[in-house]
Protein backbone atom coordinates (compact mmCIF):
# COMPACT_ATOMS: atom_id res chain seq x y z
CA MET A 1 0.00 0.00 0.00
CA ILE A 2 2.81 2.37 0.80
CA LYS A 3 4.33 1.69 -2.60
CA LEU A 4 0.99 2.51 -4.28
CA PHE A 5 0.66 5.71 -2.27
CA ARG A 6 4.19 6.82 -3.06
CA ALA A 7 3.77 6.02 -6.74
CA GLY A 8 0.45 7.88 -7.02
CA GLY A 9 1.00 10.53 -4.39
CA THR A 10 -2.69 10.70 -3.45
CA VAL A 11 -5.08 8.76 -1.26
CA SER A 12 -7.13 7.91 -4.36
CA SER A 13 -4.16 5.93 -5.67
CA LEU A 14 -5.00 3.35 -2.97
CA MET A 15 -8.51 2.78 -4.33
CA ASP A 16 -9.31 -0.41 -6.19
CA ARG A 17 -8.93 -0.21 -9.92
CA LYS A 18 -11.02 -2.05 -12.47
CA ARG A 19 -9.36 -5.20 -13.67
CA GLY A 20 -8.85 -6.11 -17.28
CA ARG A 21 -8.26 -4.06 -20.35
CA ARG A 22 -9.35 -0.46 -20.70
CA GLN A 23 -12.47 0.15 -22.75
CA GLY A 24 -11.62 0.38 -26.43
CA HIS A 25 -8.29 -1.43 -26.04
CA ARG A 26 -7.52 -3.86 -28.86
CA ALA A 27 -5.29 -6.85 -28.21
CA LEU A 28 -4.74 -7.43 -31.93
CA ASP A 29 -3.26 -5.13 -34.51
CA LYS A 30 -5.37 -4.04 -37.49
CA ASP A 31 -4.11 -6.81 -39.83
CA ARG A 32 -4.91 -9.61 -37.39
CA GLU A 33 -8.23 -8.01 -36.49
CA ALA A 34 -9.14 -7.94 -40.20
CA VAL A 35 -8.27 -11.64 -40.64
CA VAL A 36 -10.35 -12.62 -37.61
CA ARG A 37 -13.28 -10.46 -38.77
CA ARG A 38 -13.18 -11.91 -42.32
CA THR A 39 -13.04 -15.46 -40.96
CA ILE A 40 -15.97 -14.89 -38.62
CA GLU A 41 -18.05 -13.27 -41.36
CA GLY A 42 -17.13 -15.74 -44.10
CA PHE A 43 -16.91 -18.98 -42.16
CA TYR A 44 -18.96 -18.69 -38.97
CA LEU A 45 -21.89 -16.36 -39.60
CA LYS A 46 -23.98 -18.80 -41.59
CA PRO A 47 -27.38 -20.40 -40.96
CA THR A 48 -25.65 -23.70 -40.10
CA ARG A 49 -22.81 -22.55 -37.89
CA PRO A 50 -19.77 -24.71 -37.29
CA SER A 51 -18.58 -25.24 -33.73
CA PHE A 52 -16.64 -22.51 -31.97
CA ALA A 53 -13.61 -24.85 -31.85
CA ARG A 54 -13.77 -25.16 -35.64
CA LEU A 55 -13.91 -21.36 -35.94
CA VAL A 56 -10.80 -21.05 -33.77
CA ARG A 57 -8.97 -23.55 -36.02
CA GLU A 58 -10.06 -21.61 -39.12
CA VAL A 59 -8.80 -18.36 -37.63
CA GLN A 60 -5.45 -20.01 -36.87
CA ILE A 61 -5.23 -21.38 -40.42
CA ASP A 62 -6.17 -18.03 -41.97
CA CYS A 63 -3.69 -16.17 -39.78
CA SER A 64 -0.94 -18.63 -40.68
CA THR A 65 -1.74 -18.31 -44.38
CA ALA A 66 -1.75 -14.50 -44.18
CA GLY A 67 1.49 -14.50 -42.17
CA PRO A 68 0.28 -12.69 -39.02
CA LEU A 69 0.34 -15.72 -36.70
CA GLU A 70 3.46 -15.31 -34.60
CA LEU A 71 2.25 -16.35 -31.17
CA VAL A 72 -0.43 -18.63 -29.80
CA GLN A 73 -1.49 -17.94 -26.21
CA ILE A 74 -3.29 -20.29 -23.87
CA ASP A 75 -5.49 -19.19 -21.00
CA HIS A 76 -4.21 -20.55 -17.68
CA THR A 77 -7.32 -19.89 -15.64
CA LYS A 78 -7.70 -22.04 -12.53
CA VAL A 79 -10.52 -24.54 -12.87
CA ASP A 80 -11.96 -27.37 -10.82
CA VAL A 81 -11.39 -30.64 -12.66
CA ALA A 82 -13.12 -33.97 -12.08
CA THR A 83 -11.57 -37.05 -13.67
CA GLN A 84 -13.35 -40.30 -14.34
CA THR A 85 -11.83 -43.77 -14.32
CA SER A 86 -13.61 -47.10 -14.31
CA SER A 87 -17.02 -45.40 -14.29
CA ARG A 88 -16.26 -43.78 -10.92
CA PHE A 89 -15.39 -40.18 -10.25
CA SER A 90 -12.13 -39.53 -8.51
CA ARG A 91 -11.79 -36.59 -6.17
CA THR A 92 -11.97 -33.08 -7.58
CA ALA A 93 -8.60 -31.40 -7.80
CA ARG A 94 -7.89 -27.69 -8.03
CA ARG A 95 -5.10 -26.82 -10.40
CA GLN A 96 -2.41 -24.76 -8.70
CA HIS A 97 -0.23 -22.15 -10.34
CA SER A 98 3.40 -21.67 -9.50
């Protein structure tokens, strides 16, 4: 808290801030955004929609073909997981981050 106060210099610097990206922030540059938009409009927005997983694969393929796929990121959100073996559920385990 002292570090926050010293950095901001005001009591309001100690207040909670909204998490996440600022409104209007884009994670992708314009070229990648265009590829994703074209893929959604041309592949996904149809009367018989493919699965979301298939859309993701198509976006990856289109980005690779266009050359703007340099990095693939995976969400590491903690989740409760139940595994099943021999038709019996084992205990639920919480994934821990290091």
